[in-house]
Protein backbone atom coordinates (compact mmCIF):
# COMPACT_ATOMS: atom_id res chain seq x y z
CA MET A 1 19.46 6.60 -12.56
CA TRP A 2 21.22 9.72 -11.30
CA ARG A 3 24.93 10.35 -11.68
CA GLY A 4 25.58 6.67 -12.11
CA SER A 5 26.62 4.28 -14.75
CA PRO A 6 24.12 3.50 -17.51
CA GLY A 7 21.93 0.61 -16.51
CA LYS A 8 22.23 1.23 -12.76
CA PHE A 9 19.18 2.31 -10.82
CA THR A 10 18.71 3.63 -7.31
CA ARG A 11 15.88 2.79 -4.94
CA SER A 12 14.45 4.95 -2.24
CA PRO A 13 11.42 4.33 0.01
CA PHE A 14 8.63 6.82 -0.61
CA VAL A 15 5.65 5.36 1.25
CA ARG A 16 5.23 3.65 4.61
CA LEU A 17 2.17 1.71 5.72
CA ARG A 18 1.61 0.74 9.34
CA GLN A 19 -1.28 -1.23 10.74
CA ALA A 20 -2.56 -0.62 14.26
CA LYS A 21 -2.83 -4.02 15.95
CA THR A 22 -5.83 -3.11 18.09
CA THR A 23 -8.02 -1.50 15.41
CA GLY A 24 -6.65 -2.96 12.17
CA ILE A 25 -6.57 0.54 10.65
CA TRP A 26 -3.73 1.28 8.22
CA LYS A 27 -1.80 4.55 8.57
CA ILE A 28 -0.24 6.04 5.44
CA TYR A 29 3.02 8.00 5.62
CA TRP A 30 5.01 9.78 2.92
CA ARG A 31 8.70 10.64 2.99
CA ARG A 32 9.71 14.29 2.83
CA GLN A 33 12.82 15.46 1.00
CA THR A 34 14.57 15.69 4.39
CA GLY A 35 13.98 11.97 4.96
CA LYS A 36 11.36 12.47 7.68
CA TRP A 37 8.10 10.52 7.51
CA GLU A 38 4.77 12.38 7.81
CA LEU A 39 1.17 11.25 7.79
CA TYR A 40 -0.40 11.72 4.38
CA ALA A 41 -2.77 14.67 4.94
CA PRO A 42 -5.62 14.01 2.45
CA ALA A 43 -6.30 10.53 3.88
CA SER A 44 -3.95 9.40 6.63
CA THR A 45 -5.85 6.20 7.48
CA ALA A 46 -7.54 3.37 5.59
CA LYS A 47 -9.71 0.50 6.76
CA ASN A 48 -7.86 -2.12 4.69
CA ILE A 49 -4.75 -2.49 2.56
CA MET A 50 -6.63 -2.25 -0.75
CA VAL A 51 -8.10 1.14 0.20
CA ALA A 52 -4.63 2.30 1.29
CA MET A 53 -3.15 1.27 -2.06
CA ALA A 54 -5.93 3.11 -3.92
CA ILE A 55 -5.20 6.28 -1.92
CA ILE A 56 -1.49 6.00 -2.74
CA GLU A 57 -2.21 5.38 -6.42
CA ALA A 58 -4.53 8.42 -6.61
CA ASP A 59 -1.79 10.56 -4.97
CA GLN A 60 -3.98 13.66 -4.65
CA TYR A 61 -1.13 16.01 -3.60
CA GLY A 62 1.76 14.48 -5.55
CA CYS A 63 3.60 13.26 -2.46
CA PHE A 64 4.31 9.76 -3.75
CA PHE A 65 4.77 10.05 -7.49
CA GLY A 66 5.52 13.75 -7.92
């Protein structure tokens, strides 16, 4: 909650996953403060969704969870 009534929460997207149809590779993007999406530098691709989720959870540079 930020500048709102108690009990109200805001939501904002912070990660974007896209799968290439031809290769099946997942691309991982993070959202900058400006609202622009950038490839996640430490590991911008993953072979499957479970690997992508593990990369996001590890969050090596603090792009997703601060």
